[in-house]
Amino acid sequence: MKLLISIVPKDIHDDVVKIIGESTIDYQTSIPGKGTAPLEILEYFSIGESERDVILSIIDDQDIQIIFNRLKEELNFLESGRGVAFTASIDALTKLGYKYLYHELTEESSHGKK
């Protein structure tokens, strides 16, 4: 399982959600995004405008390449300004979440002992 993070222009949001939704999917949500990154950063990541939709999807490993190929072929995703998509391991996210929570709990218990 992977977390697929897609940052896309609002005008292709529905098309991206449809492509991802046709794969084996356990969860998908969209968040409106408006960034304040400098123009150089936006251009480097081919994001263009600062108003985007962020789509978070949990997908099977076997679907990653299929989704990326469809985004490239059907939505010209490799063109500048069409968005960016990448995956993160669920295990890595769980580990980071655990470290964060453990740190918070450790801080709480050390403050409580004073």
PDB file of N, CA and C in Angstrom:
ATOM      1  N   MET A   1       0.841  -1.179   0.000  1.00  0.00           N
ATOM      2  CA  MET A   1       0.000   0.000   0.000  1.00  0.00           C
ATOM      3  C   MET A   1       0.884   1.239   0.000  1.00  0.00           C
ATOM      4  N   LYS A   2       0.447   2.240  -0.738  1.00  0.00           N
ATOM      5  CA  LYS A   2       1.173   3.504  -0.827  1.00  0.00           C
ATOM      6  C   LYS A   2       0.188   4.655  -0.674  1.00  0.00           C
ATOM      7  N   LEU A   3       0.712   5.772  -0.230  1.00  0.00           N
ATOM      8  CA  LEU A   3      -0.046   7.014  -0.238  1.00  0.00           C
ATOM      9  C   LEU A   3       0.357   7.752  -1.498  1.00  0.00           C
ATOM     10  N   LEU A   4      -0.600   7.991  -2.382  1.00  0.00           N
ATOM     11  CA  LEU A   4      -0.364   8.754  -3.603  1.00  0.00           C
ATOM     12  C   LEU A   4      -0.781  10.189  -3.331  1.00  0.00           C
ATOM     13  N   ILE A   5       0.142  11.104  -3.524  1.00  0.00           N
ATOM     14  CA  ILE A   5      -0.129  12.523  -3.327  1.00  0.00           C
ATOM     15  C   ILE A   5      -0.074  13.186  -4.695  1.00  0.00           C
ATOM     16  N   SER A   6      -1.184  13.776  -5.106  1.00  0.00           N
ATOM     17  CA  SER A   6      -1.269  14.450  -6.402  1.00  0.00           C
ATOM     18  C   SER A   6      -1.619  15.909  -6.159  1.00  0.00           C
ATOM     19  N   ILE A   7      -0.859  16.800  -6.762  1.00  0.00           N
ATOM     20  CA  ILE A   7      -1.126  18.234  -6.665  1.00  0.00           C
ATOM     21  C   ILE A   7      -1.433  18.690  -8.081  1.00  0.00           C
ATOM     22  N   VAL A   8      -2.696  19.052  -8.320  1.00  0.00           N
ATOM     23  CA  VAL A   8      -3.154  19.274  -9.693  1.00  0.00           C
ATOM     24  C   VAL A   8      -3.928  20.581  -9.830  1.00  0.00           C
ATOM     25  N   PRO A   9      -3.960  21.125 -11.066  1.00  0.00           N
ATOM     26  CA  PRO A   9      -4.813  22.293 -11.312  1.00  0.00           C
ATOM     27  C   PRO A   9      -6.275  21.913 -11.101  1.00  0.00           C
ATOM     28  N   LYS A  10      -7.050  22.874 -10.661  1.00  0.00           N
ATOM     29  CA  LYS A  10      -8.465  22.610 -10.375  1.00  0.00           C
ATOM     30  C   LYS A  10      -9.228  22.100 -11.599  1.00  0.00           C
ATOM     31  N   ASP A  11      -8.830  22.527 -12.802  1.00  0.00           N
ATOM     32  CA  ASP A  11      -9.583  22.151 -13.997  1.00  0.00           C
ATOM     33  C   ASP A  11      -9.410  20.682 -14.396  1.00  0.00           C
ATOM     34  N   ILE A  12      -8.387  19.985 -13.888  1.00  0.00           N
ATOM     35  CA  ILE A  12      -8.259  18.556 -14.209  1.00  0.00           C
ATOM     36  C   ILE A  12      -8.483  17.666 -12.982  1.00  0.00           C
ATOM     37  N   HIS A  13      -8.900  18.267 -11.879  1.00  0.00           N
ATOM     38  CA  HIS A  13      -9.131  17.522 -10.632  1.00  0.00           C
ATOM     39  C   HIS A  13     -10.028  16.308 -10.850  1.00  0.00           C
ATOM     40  N   ASP A  14     -11.195  16.515 -11.451  1.00  0.00           N
ATOM     41  CA  ASP A  14     -12.157  15.419 -11.625  1.00  0.00           C
ATOM     42  C   ASP A  14     -11.592  14.294 -12.487  1.00  0.00           C
ATOM     43  N   ASP A  15     -10.821  14.653 -13.527  1.00  0.00           N
ATOM     44  CA  ASP A  15     -10.216  13.638 -14.394  1.00  0.00           C
ATOM     45  C   ASP A  15      -9.180  12.807 -13.632  1.00  0.00           C
ATOM     46  N   VAL A  16      -8.383  13.470 -12.806  1.00  0.00           N
ATOM     47  CA  VAL A  16      -7.369  12.762 -12.015  1.00  0.00           C
ATOM     48  C   VAL A  16      -8.045  11.834 -11.011  1.00  0.00           C
ATOM     49  N   VAL A  17      -9.064  12.334 -10.318  1.00  0.00           N
ATOM     50  CA  VAL A  17      -9.795  11.521  -9.339  1.00  0.00           C
ATOM     51  C   VAL A  17     -10.413  10.299 -10.021  1.00  0.00           C
ATOM     52  N   LYS A  18     -10.939  10.475 -11.225  1.00  0.00           N
ATOM     53  CA  LYS A  18     -11.548   9.360 -11.953  1.00  0.00           C
ATOM     54  C   LYS A  18     -10.503   8.298 -12.299  1.00  0.00           C
ATOM     55  N   ILE A  19      -9.344   8.729 -12.809  1.00  0.00           N
ATOM     56  CA  ILE A  19      -8.284   7.776 -13.163  1.00  0.00           C
ATOM     57  C   ILE A  19      -7.834   6.998 -11.930  1.00  0.00           C
ATOM     58  N   ILE A  20      -7.589   7.701 -10.845  1.00  0.00           N
ATOM     59  CA  ILE A  20      -7.135   7.033  -9.619  1.00  0.00           C
ATOM     60  C   ILE A  20      -8.238   6.123  -9.072  1.00  0.00           C
ATOM     61  N   GLY A  21      -9.475   6.594  -9.127  1.00  0.00           N
ATOM     62  CA  GLY A  21     -10.608   5.840  -8.593  1.00  0.00           C
ATOM     63  C   GLY A  21     -10.910   4.553  -9.326  1.00  0.00           C
ATOM     64  N   GLU A  22     -10.432   4.423 -10.557  1.00  0.00           N
ATOM     65  CA  GLU A  22     -10.665   3.199 -11.321  1.00  0.00           C
ATOM     66  C   GLU A  22      -9.694   2.086 -10.950  1.00  0.00           C
ATOM     67  N   SER A  23      -8.726   2.384 -10.108  1.00  0.00           N
ATOM     68  CA  SER A  23      -7.786   1.357  -9.649  1.00  0.00           C
ATOM     69  C   SER A  23      -8.284   0.792  -8.320  1.00  0.00           C
ATOM     70  N   THR A  24      -7.536  -0.168  -7.802  1.00  0.00           N
ATOM     71  CA  THR A  24      -7.860  -0.706  -6.482  1.00  0.00           C
ATOM     72  C   THR A  24      -7.538   0.378  -5.470  1.00  0.00           C
ATOM     73  N   ILE A  25      -8.553   0.885  -4.822  1.00  0.00           N
ATOM     74  CA  ILE A  25      -8.347   2.025  -3.930  1.00  0.00           C
ATOM     75  C   ILE A  25      -9.097   1.801  -2.628  1.00  0.00           C
ATOM     76  N   ASP A  26      -8.453   2.162  -1.562  1.00  0.00           N
ATOM     77  CA  ASP A  26      -9.088   2.000  -0.261  1.00  0.00           C
ATOM     78  C   ASP A  26      -9.584   3.323   0.303  1.00  0.00           C
ATOM     79  N   TYR A  27      -8.997   4.419  -0.146  1.00  0.00           N
ATOM     80  CA  TYR A  27      -9.359   5.728   0.407  1.00  0.00           C
ATOM     81  C   TYR A  27      -8.879   6.821  -0.537  1.00  0.00           C
ATOM     82  N   GLN A  28      -9.669   7.869  -0.657  1.00  0.00           N
ATOM     83  CA  GLN A  28      -9.280   9.010  -1.483  1.00  0.00           C
ATOM     84  C   GLN A  28      -9.988  10.254  -0.958  1.00  0.00           C
ATOM     85  N   THR A  29      -9.249  11.342  -0.846  1.00  0.00           N
ATOM     86  CA  THR A  29      -9.837  12.611  -0.426  1.00  0.00           C
ATOM     87  C   THR A  29      -9.115  13.751  -1.130  1.00  0.00           C
ATOM     88  N   SER A  30      -9.805  14.861  -1.274  1.00  0.00           N
ATOM     89  CA  SER A  30      -9.225  16.041  -1.926  1.00  0.00           C
ATOM     90  C   SER A  30      -9.265  17.222  -0.978  1.00  0.00           C
ATOM     91  N   ILE A  31      -8.219  18.023  -1.063  1.00  0.00           N
ATOM     92  CA  ILE A  31      -8.105  19.212  -0.228  1.00  0.00           C
ATOM     93  C   ILE A  31      -7.757  20.386  -1.135  1.00  0.00           C
ATOM     94  N   PRO A  32      -8.507  21.482  -1.053  1.00  0.00           N
ATOM     95  CA  PRO A  32      -8.107  22.650  -1.845  1.00  0.00           C
ATOM     96  C   PRO A  32      -6.794  23.198  -1.296  1.00  0.00           C
ATOM     97  N   GLY A  33      -5.904  23.554  -2.198  1.00  0.00           N
ATOM     98  CA  GLY A  33      -4.610  24.060  -1.756  1.00  0.00           C
ATOM     99  C   GLY A  33      -4.297  25.408  -2.370  1.00  0.00           C
ATOM    100  N   LYS A  34      -3.712  26.259  -1.568  1.00  0.00           N
ATOM    101  CA  LYS A  34      -3.237  27.543  -2.069  1.00  0.00           C
ATOM    102  C   LYS A  34      -1.894  27.780  -1.404  1.00  0.00           C
ATOM    103  N   GLY A  35      -0.864  27.806  -2.212  1.00  0.00           N
ATOM    104  CA  GLY A  35       0.482  27.928  -1.665  1.00  0.00           C
ATOM    105  C   GLY A  35       1.019  29.341  -1.720  1.00  0.00           C
ATOM    106  N   THR A  36       2.101  29.511  -1.022  1.00  0.00           N
ATOM    107  CA  THR A  36       2.781  30.806  -1.013  1.00  0.00           C
ATOM    108  C   THR A  36       4.232  30.647  -1.444  1.00  0.00           C
ATOM    109  N   ALA A  37       4.516  29.559  -2.134  1.00  0.00           N
ATOM    110  CA  ALA A  37       5.891  29.305  -2.567  1.00  0.00           C
ATOM    111  C   ALA A  37       6.324  30.347  -3.593  1.00  0.00           C
ATOM    112  N   PRO A  38       7.612  30.672  -3.607  1.00  0.00           N
ATOM    113  CA  PRO A  38       8.128  31.610  -4.607  1.00  0.00           C
ATOM    114  C   PRO A  38       7.946  31.056  -6.016  1.00  0.00           C
ATOM    115  N   LEU A  39       7.863  31.932  -6.985  1.00  0.00           N
ATOM    116  CA  LEU A  39       7.650  31.555  -8.380  1.00  0.00           C
ATOM    117  C   LEU A  39       8.688  30.536  -8.851  1.00  0.00           C
ATOM    118  N   GLU A  40       9.934  30.678  -8.415  1.00  0.00           N
ATOM    119  CA  GLU A  40      10.994  29.756  -8.836  1.00  0.00           C
ATOM    120  C   GLU A  40      10.672  28.322  -8.421  1.00  0.00           C
ATOM    121  N   ILE A  41      10.152  28.159  -7.210  1.00  0.00           N
ATOM    122  CA  ILE A  41       9.802  26.821  -6.719  1.00  0.00           C
ATOM    123  C   ILE A  41       8.629  26.267  -7.516  1.00  0.00           C
ATOM    124  N   LEU A  42       7.623  27.100  -7.759  1.00  0.00           N
ATOM    125  CA  LEU A  42       6.458  26.659  -8.532  1.00  0.00           C
ATOM    126  C   LEU A  42       6.880  26.203  -9.921  1.00  0.00           C
ATOM    127  N   GLU A  43       7.779  26.951 -10.556  1.00  0.00           N
ATOM    128  CA  GLU A  43       8.247  26.584 -11.892  1.00  0.00           C
ATOM    129  C   GLU A  43       9.088  25.315 -11.850  1.00  0.00           C
ATOM    130  N   TYR A  44       9.918  25.173 -10.826  1.00  0.00           N
ATOM    131  CA  TYR A  44      10.783  23.994 -10.711  1.00  0.00           C
ATOM    132  C   TYR A  44       9.952  22.716 -10.653  1.00  0.00           C
ATOM    133  N   PHE A  45       8.866  22.739  -9.904  1.00  0.00           N
ATOM    134  CA  PHE A  45       8.010  21.563  -9.777  1.00  0.00           C
ATOM    135  C   PHE A  45       6.891  21.538 -10.818  1.00  0.00           C
ATOM    136  N   SER A  46       6.943  22.433 -11.791  1.00  0.00           N
ATOM    137  CA  SER A  46       5.939  22.504 -12.866  1.00  0.00           C
ATOM    138  C   SER A  46       4.542  22.685 -12.313  1.00  0.00           C
ATOM    139  N   ILE A  47       4.427  23.463 -11.263  1.00  0.00           N
ATOM    140  CA  ILE A  47       3.122  23.672 -10.645  1.00  0.00           C
ATOM    141  C   ILE A  47       2.434  24.894 -11.236  1.00  0.00           C
ATOM    142  N   GLY A  48       3.172  25.938 -11.586  1.00  0.00           N
ATOM    143  CA  GLY A  48       2.572  27.125 -12.200  1.00  0.00           C
ATOM    144  C   GLY A  48       1.841  27.977 -11.196  1.00  0.00           C
ATOM    145  N   GLU A  49       0.513  27.972 -11.253  1.00  0.00           N
ATOM    146  CA  GLU A  49      -0.296  28.776 -10.331  1.00  0.00           C
ATOM    147  C   GLU A  49      -0.212  28.219  -8.913  1.00  0.00           C
ATOM    148  N   SER A  50      -0.563  29.072  -7.947  1.00  0.00           N
ATOM    149  CA  SER A  50      -0.478  28.615  -6.561  1.00  0.00           C
ATOM    150  C   SER A  50      -1.770  27.952  -6.071  1.00  0.00           C
ATOM    151  N   GLU A  51      -2.889  28.124  -6.776  1.00  0.00           N
ATOM    152  CA  GLU A  51      -4.143  27.468  -6.373  1.00  0.00           C
ATOM    153  C   GLU A  51      -4.243  26.111  -7.045  1.00  0.00           C
ATOM    154  N   ARG A  52      -4.301  25.075  -6.226  1.00  0.00           N
ATOM    155  CA  ARG A  52      -4.338  23.697  -6.706  1.00  0.00           C
ATOM    156  C   ARG A  52      -5.255  22.863  -5.824  1.00  0.00           C
ATOM    157  N   ASP A  53      -5.489  21.650  -6.256  1.00  0.00           N
ATOM    158  CA  ASP A  53      -6.144  20.660  -5.412  1.00  0.00           C
ATOM    159  C   ASP A  53      -5.108  19.606  -5.050  1.00  0.00           C
ATOM    160  N   VAL A  54      -5.112  19.207  -3.804  1.00  0.00           N
ATOM    161  CA  VAL A  54      -4.234  18.142  -3.328  1.00  0.00           C
ATOM    162  C   VAL A  54      -5.114  16.909  -3.143  1.00  0.00           C
ATOM    163  N   ILE A  55      -4.773  15.851  -3.853  1.00  0.00           N
ATOM    164  CA  ILE A  55      -5.546  14.611  -3.791  1.00  0.00           C
ATOM    165  C   ILE A  55      -4.699  13.571  -3.064  1.00  0.00           C
ATOM    166  N   LEU A  56      -5.237  13.039  -1.981  1.00  0.00           N
ATOM    167  CA  LEU A  56      -4.556  12.004  -1.204  1.00  0.00           C
ATOM    168  C   LEU A  56      -5.289  10.688  -1.425  1.00  0.00           C
ATOM    169  N   SER A  57      -4.565   9.682  -1.889  1.00  0.00           N
ATOM    170  CA  SER A  57      -5.177   8.391  -2.204  1.00  0.00           C
ATOM    171  C   SER A  57      -4.329   7.268  -1.630  1.00  0.00           C
ATOM    172  N   ILE A  58      -4.975   6.276  -1.072  1.00  0.00           N
ATOM    173  CA  ILE A  58      -4.273   5.070  -0.653  1.00  0.00           C
ATOM    174  C   ILE A  58      -4.498   4.037  -1.744  1.00  0.00           C
ATOM    175  N   ILE A  59      -3.391   3.572  -2.335  1.00  0.00           N
ATOM    176  CA  ILE A  59      -3.483   2.675  -3.488  1.00  0.00           C
ATOM    177  C   ILE A  59      -2.617   1.437  -3.271  1.00  0.00           C
ATOM    178  N   ASP A  60      -2.920   0.390  -4.037  1.00  0.00           N
ATOM    179  CA  ASP A  60      -2.093  -0.818  -4.029  1.00  0.00           C
ATOM    180  C   ASP A  60      -0.816  -0.561  -4.816  1.00  0.00           C
ATOM    181  N   ASP A  61       0.258  -1.211  -4.405  1.00  0.00           N
ATOM    182  CA  ASP A  61       1.542  -1.070  -5.097  1.00  0.00           C
ATOM    183  C   ASP A  61       1.423  -1.399  -6.584  1.00  0.00           C
ATOM    184  N   GLN A  62       0.614  -2.402  -6.916  1.00  0.00           N
ATOM    185  CA  GLN A  62       0.488  -2.846  -8.306  1.00  0.00           C
ATOM    186  C   GLN A  62      -0.151  -1.787  -9.206  1.00  0.00           C
ATOM    187  N   ASP A  63      -0.835  -0.811  -8.630  1.00  0.00           N
ATOM    188  CA  ASP A  63      -1.532   0.199  -9.429  1.00  0.00           C
ATOM    189  C   ASP A  63      -0.709   1.462  -9.694  1.00  0.00           C
ATOM    190  N   ILE A  64       0.427   1.602  -9.042  1.00  0.00           N
ATOM    191  CA  ILE A  64       1.203   2.842  -9.157  1.00  0.00           C
ATOM    192  C   ILE A  64       1.561   3.148 -10.605  1.00  0.00           C
ATOM    193  N   GLN A  65       2.216   2.206 -11.274  1.00  0.00           N
ATOM    194  CA  GLN A  65       2.668   2.460 -12.645  1.00  0.00           C
ATOM    195  C   GLN A  65       1.493   2.656 -13.592  1.00  0.00           C
ATOM    196  N   ILE A  66       0.418   1.915 -13.382  1.00  0.00           N
ATOM    197  CA  ILE A  66      -0.772   2.056 -14.230  1.00  0.00           C
ATOM    198  C   ILE A  66      -1.330   3.474 -14.111  1.00  0.00           C
ATOM    199  N   ILE A  67      -1.443   3.967 -12.893  1.00  0.00           N
ATOM    200  CA  ILE A  67      -1.970   5.323 -12.668  1.00  0.00           C
ATOM    201  C   ILE A  67      -1.053   6.361 -13.296  1.00  0.00           C
ATOM    202  N   PHE A  68       0.256   6.247 -13.050  1.00  0.00           N
ATOM    203  CA  PHE A  68       1.199   7.218 -13.613  1.00  0.00           C
ATOM    204  C   PHE A  68       1.159   7.209 -15.141  1.00  0.00           C
ATOM    205  N   ASN A  69       1.070   6.024 -15.746  1.00  0.00           N
ATOM    206  CA  ASN A  69       0.989   5.939 -17.210  1.00  0.00           C
ATOM    207  C   ASN A  69      -0.275   6.607 -17.736  1.00  0.00           C
ATOM    208  N   ARG A  70      -1.394   6.370 -17.073  1.00  0.00           N
ATOM    209  CA  ARG A  70      -2.653   6.979 -17.521  1.00  0.00           C
ATOM    210  C   ARG A  70      -2.626   8.498 -17.358  1.00  0.00           C
ATOM    211  N   LEU A  71      -2.062   8.985 -16.248  1.00  0.00           N
ATOM    212  CA  LEU A  71      -1.947  10.440 -16.060  1.00  0.00           C
ATOM    213  C   LEU A  71      -1.105  11.049 -17.176  1.00  0.00           C
ATOM    214  N   LYS A  72      -0.027  10.360 -17.528  1.00  0.00           N
ATOM    215  CA  LYS A  72       0.859  10.851 -18.588  1.00  0.00           C
ATOM    216  C   LYS A  72       0.163  10.822 -19.948  1.00  0.00           C
ATOM    217  N   GLU A  73      -0.470   9.707 -20.276  1.00  0.00           N
ATOM    218  CA  GLU A  73      -1.063   9.527 -21.598  1.00  0.00           C
ATOM    219  C   GLU A  73      -2.368  10.299 -21.783  1.00  0.00           C
ATOM    220  N   GLU A  74      -3.247  10.270 -20.797  1.00  0.00           N
ATOM    221  CA  GLU A  74      -4.573  10.861 -20.951  1.00  0.00           C
ATOM    222  C   GLU A  74      -4.630  12.341 -20.585  1.00  0.00           C
ATOM    223  N   LEU A  75      -3.752  12.777 -19.678  1.00  0.00           N
ATOM    224  CA  LEU A  75      -3.821  14.166 -19.205  1.00  0.00           C
ATOM    225  C   LEU A  75      -2.534  14.948 -19.457  1.00  0.00           C
ATOM    226  N   ASN A  76      -1.628  14.359 -20.255  1.00  0.00           N
ATOM    227  CA  ASN A  76      -0.342  15.025 -20.550  1.00  0.00           C
ATOM    228  C   ASN A  76       0.334  15.517 -19.273  1.00  0.00           C
ATOM    229  N   PHE A  77       0.383  14.642 -18.287  1.00  0.00           N
ATOM    230  CA  PHE A  77       0.840  15.019 -16.951  1.00  0.00           C
ATOM    231  C   PHE A  77       2.300  15.458 -16.900  1.00  0.00           C
ATOM    232  N   LEU A  78       3.093  15.093 -17.908  1.00  0.00           N
ATOM    233  CA  LEU A  78       4.502  15.479 -17.901  1.00  0.00           C
ATOM    234  C   LEU A  78       4.725  16.900 -18.409  1.00  0.00           C
ATOM    235  N   GLU A  79       3.696  17.510 -18.979  1.00  0.00           N
ATOM    236  CA  GLU A  79       3.818  18.898 -19.442  1.00  0.00           C
ATOM    237  C   GLU A  79       3.887  19.840 -18.250  1.00  0.00           C
ATOM    238  N   SER A  80       4.629  20.905 -18.419  1.00  0.00           N
ATOM    239  CA  SER A  80       4.754  21.911 -17.364  1.00  0.00           C
ATOM    240  C   SER A  80       3.385  22.471 -16.987  1.00  0.00           C
ATOM    241  N   GLY A  81       3.132  22.578 -15.693  1.00  0.00           N
ATOM    242  CA  GLY A  81       1.884  23.154 -15.212  1.00  0.00           C
ATOM    243  C   GLY A  81       0.735  22.185 -15.056  1.00  0.00           C
ATOM    244  N   ARG A  82       0.947  20.916 -15.426  1.00  0.00           N
ATOM    245  CA  ARG A  82      -0.139  19.938 -15.338  1.00  0.00           C
ATOM    246  C   ARG A  82      -0.246  19.297 -13.964  1.00  0.00           C
ATOM    247  N   GLY A  83       0.727  19.523 -13.110  1.00  0.00           N
ATOM    248  CA  GLY A  83       0.661  18.976 -11.764  1.00  0.00           C
ATOM    249  C   GLY A  83       1.825  18.063 -11.464  1.00  0.00           C
ATOM    250  N   VAL A  84       1.774  17.501 -10.281  1.00  0.00           N
ATOM    251  CA  VAL A  84       2.822  16.591  -9.832  1.00  0.00           C
ATOM    252  C   VAL A  84       2.160  15.494  -9.001  1.00  0.00           C
ATOM    253  N   ALA A  85       2.700  14.285  -9.113  1.00  0.00           N
ATOM    254  CA  ALA A  85       2.182  13.160  -8.330  1.00  0.00           C
ATOM    255  C   ALA A  85       3.363  12.318  -7.873  1.00  0.00           C
ATOM    256  N   PHE A  86       3.284  11.841  -6.648  1.00  0.00           N
ATOM    257  CA  PHE A  86       4.341  10.990  -6.107  1.00  0.00           C
ATOM    258  C   PHE A  86       3.743  10.108  -5.020  1.00  0.00           C
ATOM    259  N   THR A  87       4.470   9.059  -4.675  1.00  0.00           N
ATOM    260  CA  THR A  87       3.989   8.145  -3.643  1.00  0.00           C
ATOM    261  C   THR A  87       4.910   8.173  -2.429  1.00  0.00           C
ATOM    262  N   ALA A  88       4.338   7.808  -1.308  1.00  0.00           N
ATOM    263  CA  ALA A  88       5.096   7.644  -0.067  1.00  0.00           C
ATOM    264  C   ALA A  88       4.661   6.322   0.553  1.00  0.00           C
ATOM    265  N   SER A  89       5.594   5.647   1.137  1.00  0.00           N
ATOM    266  CA  SER A  89       5.296   4.374   1.784  1.00  0.00           C
ATOM    267  C   SER A  89       4.418   4.607   3.009  1.00  0.00           C
ATOM    268  N   ILE A  90       3.385   3.829   3.134  1.00  0.00           N
ATOM    269  CA  ILE A  90       2.523   3.922   4.315  1.00  0.00           C
ATOM    270  C   ILE A  90       3.335   3.589   5.562  1.00  0.00           C
ATOM    271  N   ASP A  91       4.248   2.621   5.440  1.00  0.00           N
ATOM    272  CA  ASP A  91       5.095   2.257   6.577  1.00  0.00           C
ATOM    273  C   ASP A  91       5.911   3.446   7.061  1.00  0.00           C
ATOM    274  N   ALA A  92       6.459   4.219   6.128  1.00  0.00           N
ATOM    275  CA  ALA A  92       7.257   5.388   6.502  1.00  0.00           C
ATOM    276  C   ALA A  92       6.389   6.410   7.220  1.00  0.00           C
ATOM    277  N   LEU A  93       5.174   6.601   6.745  1.00  0.00           N
ATOM    278  CA  LEU A  93       4.273   7.558   7.375  1.00  0.00           C
ATOM    279  C   LEU A  93       3.875   7.086   8.769  1.00  0.00           C
ATOM    280  N   THR A  94       3.640   5.793   8.909  1.00  0.00           N
ATOM    281  CA  THR A  94       3.299   5.250  10.217  1.00  0.00           C
ATOM    282  C   THR A  94       4.453   5.444  11.189  1.00  0.00           C
ATOM    283  N   LYS A  95       5.661   5.212  10.715  1.00  0.00           N
ATOM    284  CA  LYS A  95       6.843   5.377  11.561  1.00  0.00           C
ATOM    285  C   LYS A  95       7.003   6.831  11.991  1.00  0.00           C
ATOM    286  N   LEU A  96       6.829   7.761  11.044  1.00  0.00           N
ATOM    287  CA  LEU A  96       6.925   9.182  11.383  1.00  0.00           C
ATOM    288  C   LEU A  96       5.842   9.577  12.376  1.00  0.00           C
ATOM    289  N   GLY A  97       4.628   9.072  12.163  1.00  0.00           N
ATOM    290  CA  GLY A  97       3.536   9.360  13.092  1.00  0.00           C
ATOM    291  C   GLY A  97       3.827   8.824  14.480  1.00  0.00           C
ATOM    292  N   TYR A  98       4.375   7.624  14.525  1.00  0.00           N
ATOM    293  CA  TYR A  98       4.728   7.030  15.814  1.00  0.00           C
ATOM    294  C   TYR A  98       5.782   7.877  16.522  1.00  0.00           C
ATOM    295  N   LYS A  99       6.825   8.274  15.782  1.00  0.00           N
ATOM    296  CA  LYS A  99       7.882   9.092  16.390  1.00  0.00           C
ATOM    297  C   LYS A  99       7.318  10.404  16.917  1.00  0.00           C
ATOM    298  N   TYR A 100       6.434  11.008  16.143  1.00  0.00           N
ATOM    299  CA  TYR A 100       5.831  12.271  16.570  1.00  0.00           C
ATOM    300  C   TYR A 100       5.014  12.069  17.843  1.00  0.00           C
ATOM    301  N   LEU A 101       4.139  11.071  17.825  1.00  0.00           N
ATOM    302  CA  LEU A 101       3.294  10.811  18.994  1.00  0.00           C
ATOM    303  C   LEU A 101       4.132  10.422  20.206  1.00  0.00           C
ATOM    304  N   TYR A 102       5.158   9.606  19.996  1.00  0.00           N
ATOM    305  CA  TYR A 102       6.011   9.196  21.102  1.00  0.00           C
ATOM    306  C   TYR A 102       6.697  10.415  21.713  1.00  0.00           C
ATOM    307  N   HIS A 103       7.174  11.304  20.862  1.00  0.00           N
ATOM    308  CA  HIS A 103       7.822  12.531  21.338  1.00  0.00           C
ATOM    309  C   HIS A 103       6.828  13.376  22.141  1.00  0.00           C
ATOM    310  N   GLU A 104       5.613  13.516  21.628  1.00  0.00           N
ATOM    311  CA  GLU A 104       4.594  14.304  22.326  1.00  0.00           C
ATOM    312  C   GLU A 104       4.245  13.673  23.675  1.00  0.00           C
ATOM    313  N   LEU A 105       4.074  12.351  23.693  1.00  0.00           N
ATOM    314  CA  LEU A 105       3.733  11.668  24.945  1.00  0.00           C
ATOM    315  C   LEU A 105       4.878  11.751  25.949  1.00  0.00           C
ATOM    316  N   THR A 106       6.107  11.643  25.460  1.00  0.00           N
ATOM    317  CA  THR A 106       7.267  11.751  26.340  1.00  0.00           C
ATOM    318  C   THR A 106       7.339  13.144  26.951  1.00  0.00           C
ATOM    319  N   GLU A 107       7.086  14.157  26.120  1.00  0.00           N
ATOM    320  CA  GLU A 107       7.090  15.539  26.619  1.00  0.00           C
ATOM    321  C   GLU A 107       6.004  15.738  27.670  1.00  0.00           C
ATOM    322  N   GLU A 108       4.800  15.215  27.403  1.00  0.00           N
ATOM    323  CA  GLU A 108       3.690  15.357  28.355  1.00  0.00           C
ATOM    324  C   GLU A 108       4.028  14.709  29.688  1.00  0.00           C
ATOM    325  N   SER A 109       4.580  13.499  29.643  1.00  0.00           N
ATOM    326  CA  SER A 109       4.877  12.804  30.896  1.00  0.00           C
ATOM    327  C   SER A 109       6.021  13.480  31.647  1.00  0.00           C
ATOM    328  N   SER A 110       6.982  14.059  30.930  1.00  0.00           N
ATOM    329  CA  SER A 110       8.075  14.745  31.624  1.00  0.00           C
ATOM    330  C   SER A 110       7.594  16.058  32.230  1.00  0.00           C
ATOM    331  N   HIS A 111       6.636  16.715  31.587  1.00  0.00           N
ATOM    332  CA  HIS A 111       6.078  17.952  32.151  1.00  0.00           C
ATOM    333  C   HIS A 111       5.194  17.644  33.360  1.00  0.00           C
ATOM    334  N   GLY A 112       4.549  16.505  33.334  1.00  0.00           N
ATOM    335  CA  GLY A 112       3.671  16.128  34.437  1.00  0.00           C
ATOM    336  C   GLY A 112       4.424  15.746  35.700  1.00  0.00           C
ATOM    337  N   LYS A 113       5.692  15.367  35.554  1.00  0.00           N
ATOM    338  CA  LYS A 113       6.482  14.933  36.709  1.00  0.00           C
ATOM    339  C   LYS A 113       7.127  16.089  37.456  1.00  0.00           C
ATOM    340  N   LYS A 114       7.033  17.292  36.932  1.00  0.00           N
ATOM    341  CA  LYS A 114       7.674  18.448  37.573  1.00  0.00           C
ATOM    342  C   LYS A 114       7.007  18.857  38.838  1.00  0.00           C
TER     343      LYS A 114
END
